[in-house]
């Protein structure tokens, strides 16, 4: 599978409505992998919408993120208006022409971001040998999107050391690592050569808030911060993010809820006879028979799934948010 064939985003309901004008309504979006049960928004001071973000709120978010991710050095973490901004900007911090190896197939925005910055990008299917030839930047997603593949931190550490010794980077996208904190390298934030991206919106179900974090050596954090300038993260995002990241009870309960919900979905897929390729507790990657256009069947039923170019029958499905959505999905999968 070529990583370039992975579509970079979930679907657009406007596009889907044009493709399926007679689809059942309302639409149910299963394409994004975002938690369908978002963190309950705290009561916000209306003044947050009118004034510029405050330094005290930014500091509170930083403290909460450091505690949540296990970061010890405050100079090694930076809040951003979504991890996508970081994905687009980081490639410009290295001179054009670097060799970028991306472990794929994976999230489709990484490859074009590095290509736009003038780098040589290649897809690889497994981690390189630390003792062998190494790229200038090794990029991986852990857990991987869309197949949920994971990388043991113990295997990553020798690679990190080898890359750092030659001025290279290991860039780890941990967008879904809230589900598997045991996989995270966040506690090593600040170590030479290590860059970690964390996404807030996926696990907390608040993608529209646009909040993410860079964990990196302080010099790189300063470089990115300088490009952002002041007030990069909105005041409401600062407050909501700090509240949610500090709520350990909600986090633990949500991990249990997501695991139980995915178990129900996997039971349905098994009964429907579809092949499970992989996934996480927020999404499953399945393969159906080539002769069955399940993507179209789902679309006609008002269910938006994630498809992949050049790989017919491969779909990624998020969690149905309620019994209505589950019933509708069941009727399509087991007619």
Protein backbone atom coordinates (compact mmCIF):
# COMPACT_ATOMS: atom_id res chain seq x y z
CA UNK A 1 0.00 0.00 0.00
CA UNK A 2 1.41 3.38 -0.99
CA UNK A 3 1.03 6.06 1.67
CA UNK A 4 0.28 8.62 -1.05
CA UNK A 5 -3.01 6.85 -1.70
CA UNK A 6 -4.34 7.60 1.76
CA UNK A 7 -6.84 10.42 1.60
CA UNK A 8 -5.74 13.19 3.95
CA UNK A 9 -9.05 13.93 5.62
CA UNK A 10 -12.41 12.66 6.62
CA UNK A 11 -15.28 13.45 4.31
CA UNK A 12 -17.06 16.72 3.75
CA UNK A 13 -20.81 16.59 4.32
CA UNK A 14 -21.38 19.17 1.60
CA UNK A 15 -19.53 17.02 -0.94
CA UNK A 16 -21.34 13.90 0.24
CA UNK A 17 -24.71 15.58 -0.10
CA UNK A 18 -23.86 16.36 -3.71
CA UNK A 19 -22.70 12.79 -4.35
CA UNK A 20 -25.73 11.26 -2.64
CA UNK A 21 -28.59 13.77 -3.04
CA UNK A 22 -31.18 11.15 -2.10
CA UNK A 23 -29.32 9.82 0.93
CA UNK A 24 -31.12 9.17 4.18
CA UNK A 25 -31.01 12.16 6.52
CA UNK A 26 -29.62 13.33 8.84
CA UNK A 27 -26.05 12.46 7.91
CA UNK A 28 -23.99 10.54 10.46
CA UNK A 29 -20.26 11.16 10.10
CA UNK A 30 -18.15 8.08 10.84
CA UNK A 31 -15.18 9.26 8.79
CA UNK A 32 -13.05 11.36 11.12
CA UNK A 33 -11.94 9.14 14.00
CA UNK A 34 -12.88 11.90 16.43
CA UNK A 35 -14.45 10.88 19.74
CA UNK A 36 -18.24 11.08 19.27
CA UNK A 37 -18.72 11.87 22.98
CA UNK A 38 -16.85 15.16 23.44
CA UNK A 39 -15.57 16.58 26.66
CA UNK A 40 -18.34 18.67 28.26
CA UNK A 41 -17.49 22.31 27.76
CA UNK A 42 -16.99 24.24 30.99
CA UNK A 43 -18.86 27.47 31.59
CA UNK A 44 -16.80 30.17 29.89
CA UNK A 45 -16.53 33.78 30.88
CA UNK A 46 -18.11 35.72 27.97
CA UNK A 47 -15.15 38.10 28.15
CA UNK A 48 -12.96 35.31 26.73
CA UNK A 49 -14.54 35.92 23.34
CA UNK A 50 -13.85 39.64 23.44
CA UNK A 51 -10.36 39.99 24.87
CA UNK A 52 -7.00 38.77 23.61
CA UNK A 53 -5.75 35.51 25.14
CA UNK A 54 -4.07 36.11 28.48
CA UNK A 55 -0.62 35.02 29.60
CA UNK A 56 -2.09 33.49 32.76
CA UNK A 57 -4.50 31.29 30.76
CA UNK A 58 -1.64 30.25 28.45
CA UNK A 59 0.46 29.31 31.48
CA UNK A 60 -2.41 27.29 32.95
CA UNK A 61 -2.76 25.34 29.70
CA UNK A 62 0.96 24.68 29.61
CA UNK A 63 0.94 23.34 33.17
CA UNK A 64 -2.03 21.09 32.44
CA UNK A 65 -0.46 19.75 29.25
CA UNK A 66 2.86 19.11 30.98
CA UNK A 67 1.11 17.10 33.70
CA UNK A 68 -1.08 15.20 31.22
CA UNK A 69 1.80 14.25 28.91
CA UNK A 70 4.52 13.83 31.54
CA UNK A 71 6.68 16.69 30.28
CA UNK A 72 9.25 17.95 32.79
CA UNK A 73 10.77 20.92 30.94
CA UNK A 74 8.42 23.90 30.35
CA UNK A 75 10.71 25.06 27.53
CA UNK A 76 10.11 21.80 25.65
CA UNK A 77 6.37 22.21 25.00
CA UNK A 78 4.41 24.62 22.82
CA UNK A 79 0.66 24.96 22.34
CA UNK A 80 -0.50 25.50 18.76
CA UNK A 81 -3.79 26.16 16.97
CA UNK A 82 -4.04 22.50 15.96
CA UNK A 83 -1.36 19.94 15.11
CA UNK A 84 -1.99 20.48 11.38
CA UNK A 85 -0.32 23.90 11.62
CA UNK A 86 2.73 22.19 13.08
CA UNK A 87 2.75 19.53 10.36
CA UNK A 88 2.83 22.26 7.73
CA UNK A 89 5.43 24.42 9.45
CA UNK A 90 8.07 22.03 10.80
CA UNK A 91 9.49 21.05 7.38
CA UNK A 92 10.64 24.65 6.84
CA UNK A 93 12.90 24.44 9.89
CA UNK A 94 15.30 22.18 7.99
CA UNK A 95 17.27 23.12 4.85
CA UNK A 96 15.66 21.95 1.59
CA UNK A 97 16.85 18.68 0.15
CA UNK A 98 16.82 16.52 3.27
CA UNK A 99 15.98 12.82 3.03
CA UNK A 100 12.61 12.28 4.74
CA UNK A 101 11.48 8.70 5.42
CA UNK A 102 7.83 8.25 6.42
CA UNK A 103 6.66 4.94 7.84
CA UNK A 104 3.47 4.26 5.93
CA UNK A 105 0.84 4.04 4.75
CA UNK A 106 -0.24 6.75 7.15
CA UNK A 107 -1.91 10.13 7.58
CA UNK A 108 -1.76 11.79 4.19
CA UNK A 109 -0.80 15.35 5.15
CA UNK A 110 2.76 14.59 6.21
CA UNK A 111 4.16 13.72 2.80
CA UNK A 112 2.97 16.83 0.92
CA UNK A 113 4.06 19.12 3.76
CA UNK A 114 7.66 17.96 3.49
CA UNK A 115 7.55 17.95 -0.31
CA UNK A 116 6.32 21.56 -0.36
CA UNK A 117 9.36 22.55 1.70
CA UNK A 118 11.66 21.09 -0.95
CA UNK A 119 12.63 17.83 0.69
CA UNK A 120 13.06 14.36 -0.81
CA UNK A 121 10.27 12.24 0.63
CA UNK A 122 10.04 8.47 0.48
CA UNK A 123 7.66 5.99 2.05
CA UNK A 124 9.01 3.01 3.96
CA UNK A 125 7.06 0.09 5.41
CA UNK A 126 9.06 -0.51 8.59
CA UNK A 127 11.51 1.17 10.92
CA UNK A 128 15.11 1.26 9.67
CA UNK A 129 18.01 -0.45 11.42
CA UNK A 130 19.76 1.98 13.80
CA UNK A 131 23.10 0.59 12.63
CA UNK A 132 22.27 0.97 8.94
CA UNK A 133 21.70 3.93 6.60
CA UNK A 134 19.39 6.48 8.17
CA UNK A 135 17.34 9.37 6.77
CA UNK A 136 17.68 12.96 7.91
CA UNK A 137 14.15 12.78 9.32
CA UNK A 138 12.28 9.64 10.30
CA UNK A 139 8.53 10.28 10.60
CA UNK A 140 6.05 7.86 12.10
CA UNK A 141 2.53 7.95 13.52
CA UNK A 142 1.98 6.02 16.74
CA UNK A 143 -0.67 4.55 16.91
CA UNK A 144 -0.86 4.73 13.15
CA UNK A 145 -3.72 6.19 11.18
CA UNK A 146 -5.56 4.44 9.52
CA UNK A 147 -4.52 0.90 10.52
CA UNK A 148 -3.70 1.34 14.23
CA UNK A 149 -0.21 -0.13 13.89
CA UNK A 150 1.91 0.60 16.97
CA UNK A 151 5.63 1.03 17.63
CA UNK A 152 7.19 -0.07 20.91
CA UNK A 153 9.04 2.85 22.52
CA UNK A 154 11.88 0.47 23.42
CA UNK A 155 12.48 -0.06 19.71
CA UNK A 156 12.32 3.65 18.96
CA UNK A 157 14.94 4.78 21.49
CA UNK A 158 18.01 3.30 19.75
CA UNK A 159 16.81 4.86 16.50
CA UNK A 160 16.37 8.22 18.18
CA UNK A 161 19.90 8.12 19.54
CA UNK A 162 21.36 7.18 16.15
CA UNK A 163 19.42 9.90 14.36
CA UNK A 164 20.27 12.57 16.92
CA UNK A 165 24.01 11.78 16.73
CA UNK A 166 24.00 12.80 13.07
CA UNK A 167 21.76 15.84 13.44
CA UNK A 168 18.63 14.00 12.38
CA UNK A 169 15.10 14.08 13.74
CA UNK A 170 12.61 11.50 14.81
CA UNK A 171 9.19 13.09 14.36
CA UNK A 172 6.42 11.11 16.08
CA UNK A 173 2.81 12.03 15.47
CA UNK A 174 0.93 10.89 18.57
CA UNK A 175 -2.49 12.20 17.54
CA UNK A 176 -4.21 9.09 18.95
CA UNK A 177 -1.81 8.36 21.80
CA UNK A 178 -4.30 9.49 24.46
CA UNK A 179 -5.79 6.04 23.88
CA UNK A 180 -2.44 4.36 24.56
CA UNK A 181 -0.33 6.49 26.92
CA UNK A 182 2.09 3.56 27.26
CA UNK A 183 3.26 4.16 23.69
CA UNK A 184 4.08 7.84 24.15
CA UNK A 185 7.56 9.38 24.03
CA UNK A 186 6.20 12.63 25.48
CA UNK A 187 8.06 12.15 28.77
CA UNK A 188 11.32 12.48 26.80
CA UNK A 189 10.35 15.95 25.55
CA UNK A 190 13.42 18.11 25.15
CA UNK A 191 15.74 15.26 24.15
CA UNK A 192 17.94 16.04 21.17
CA UNK A 193 16.44 15.00 17.85
CA UNK A 194 12.98 14.11 19.20
CA UNK A 195 9.84 15.95 18.07
CA UNK A 196 6.42 14.78 19.22
CA UNK A 197 3.06 16.07 18.00
CA UNK A 198 0.01 15.79 20.20
CA UNK A 199 -3.54 16.47 19.01
CA UNK A 200 -6.19 17.58 21.49
CA UNK A 201 -9.29 17.28 19.32
CA UNK A 202 -9.29 13.54 18.60
CA UNK A 203 -9.58 12.02 22.07
CA UNK A 204 -11.46 14.93 23.63
CA UNK A 205 -13.92 15.06 20.71
CA UNK A 206 -13.36 18.79 20.12
CA UNK A 207 -11.71 18.97 16.71
CA UNK A 208 -13.28 22.35 16.05
CA UNK A 209 -11.39 23.85 18.99
CA UNK A 210 -8.12 23.60 16.99
CA UNK A 211 -5.56 22.81 19.66
CA UNK A 212 -2.37 20.79 19.49
CA UNK A 213 1.09 20.63 21.01
CA UNK A 214 4.70 20.37 19.92
CA UNK A 215 7.11 18.63 22.28
CA UNK A 216 10.68 19.27 21.15
CA UNK A 217 14.11 20.57 22.14
CA UNK A 218 13.83 24.14 23.46
CA UNK A 219 15.62 25.68 20.47
CA UNK A 220 13.05 24.21 18.09
CA UNK A 221 10.19 25.23 20.38
CA UNK A 222 11.50 28.80 20.31
CA UNK A 223 11.83 28.73 16.53
CA UNK A 224 8.24 27.59 16.03
CA UNK A 225 6.93 29.97 18.66
CA UNK A 226 8.66 32.84 16.88
CA UNK A 227 6.91 31.94 13.65
CA UNK A 228 3.53 31.88 15.41
CA UNK A 229 3.90 35.21 17.15
CA UNK A 230 1.62 36.20 20.05
CA UNK A 231 -1.92 34.89 20.67
CA UNK A 232 -1.59 31.79 18.49
CA UNK A 233 -4.14 29.87 20.56
CA UNK A 234 -7.54 31.41 21.25
CA UNK A 235 -8.63 32.32 24.77
CA UNK A 236 -11.51 29.82 24.84
CA UNK A 237 -9.19 27.06 23.61
CA UNK A 238 -6.71 27.84 26.39
CA UNK A 239 -9.37 27.49 29.09
CA UNK A 240 -11.14 24.44 27.65
CA UNK A 241 -7.84 22.70 26.99
CA UNK A 242 -6.53 23.31 30.49
CA UNK A 243 -9.76 22.05 32.05
CA UNK A 244 -9.96 18.87 29.96
CA UNK A 245 -6.28 17.97 30.23
CA UNK A 246 -6.53 18.24 34.03
CA UNK A 247 -9.61 16.00 34.27
CA UNK A 248 -8.02 12.60 34.86
CA UNK A 249 -11.30 11.05 35.98
CA UNK A 250 -12.97 11.88 32.67
CA UNK A 251 -9.96 10.59 30.74
CA UNK A 252 -9.94 7.21 32.49
CA UNK A 253 -13.70 6.79 32.16
CA UNK A 254 -13.59 7.75 28.49
CA UNK A 255 -10.88 5.21 27.68
CA UNK A 256 -13.12 2.52 29.16
CA UNK A 257 -16.17 3.79 27.28
CA UNK A 258 -14.32 3.89 23.96
CA UNK A 259 -12.94 0.38 24.44
CA UNK A 260 -16.42 -0.96 25.16
CA UNK A 261 -17.93 0.85 22.19
CA UNK A 262 -15.26 -0.44 19.82
CA UNK A 263 -15.82 -3.98 21.11
CA UNK A 264 -19.48 -3.65 20.07
CA UNK A 265 -18.47 -2.35 16.65
CA UNK A 266 -15.98 -5.18 16.13
CA UNK A 267 -18.67 -7.70 17.04
CA UNK A 268 -20.89 -6.20 14.34
CA UNK A 269 -18.11 -6.32 11.75
CA UNK A 270 -17.46 -9.96 12.59
CA UNK A 271 -21.14 -10.84 12.18
CA UNK A 272 -21.20 -8.96 8.87
CA UNK A 273 -18.27 -10.96 7.54
CA UNK A 274 -16.01 -7.99 6.86
CA UNK A 275 -12.27 -8.33 7.35
CA UNK A 276 -10.71 -6.28 10.13
CA UNK A 277 -7.36 -4.85 9.07
CA UNK A 278 -6.65 -2.90 12.25
CA UNK A 279 -7.51 0.28 14.11
CA UNK A 280 -7.72 1.86 17.53
CA UNK A 281 -10.57 2.36 19.98
CA UNK A 282 -11.66 5.38 17.90
CA UNK A 283 -11.72 3.80 14.44
CA UNK A 284 -11.56 0.48 12.65
CA UNK A 285 -10.04 -0.22 9.25
CA UNK A 286 -12.01 -2.88 7.40
CA UNK A 287 -11.95 -4.56 4.02
CA UNK A 288 -15.06 -5.74 2.22
CA UNK A 289 -15.53 -7.82 -0.88
CA UNK A 290 -14.42 -6.03 -4.03
CA UNK A 291 -17.75 -6.73 -5.70
CA UNK A 292 -19.61 -4.88 -2.96
CA UNK A 293 -19.50 -1.07 -3.04
CA UNK A 294 -19.98 -0.63 0.68
CA UNK A 295 -18.90 3.01 0.56
CA UNK A 296 -21.84 3.78 -1.75
CA UNK A 297 -24.25 1.69 0.31
CA UNK A 298 -23.25 3.58 3.42
CA UNK A 299 -23.53 6.89 1.60
CA UNK A 300 -27.04 6.13 0.42
CA UNK A 301 -27.91 5.33 4.03
CA UNK A 302 -26.58 8.71 5.15
CA UNK A 303 -23.44 7.22 6.73
CA UNK A 304 -20.16 8.90 5.90
CA UNK A 305 -17.14 6.57 5.94
CA UNK A 306 -13.50 7.12 5.03
CA UNK A 307 -12.42 5.57 1.74
CA UNK A 308 -8.95 5.27 0.20
CA UNK A 309 -7.87 5.91 -3.36
CA UNK A 310 -6.74 2.91 -5.40
CA UNK A 311 -7.72 0.46 -2.65
CA UNK A 312 -11.30 -0.56 -3.32
CA UNK A 313 -13.06 -2.22 -0.43
CA UNK A 314 -10.89 -0.59 2.24
CA UNK A 315 -12.82 1.68 4.62
CA UNK A 316 -12.17 3.35 7.96
CA UNK A 317 -15.17 3.67 10.26
CA UNK A 318 -15.36 5.66 13.47
CA UNK A 319 -17.62 4.85 16.38
CA UNK A 320 -21.40 5.21 15.96
CA UNK A 321 -22.43 7.91 18.46
CA UNK A 322 -25.72 6.34 19.54
CA UNK A 323 -28.16 3.46 19.05
CA UNK A 324 -29.75 5.18 16.05
CA UNK A 325 -26.41 5.29 14.25
CA UNK A 326 -25.58 1.72 15.25
CA UNK A 327 -28.94 0.47 13.98
CA UNK A 328 -28.48 2.27 10.67
CA UNK A 329 -24.96 0.85 10.27
CA UNK A 330 -26.19 -2.64 11.16
CA UNK A 331 -28.91 -2.51 8.50
CA UNK A 332 -26.31 -1.68 5.85
CA UNK A 333 -23.76 -4.26 6.92
CA UNK A 334 -26.29 -7.05 7.53
CA UNK A 335 -29.18 -6.32 5.15
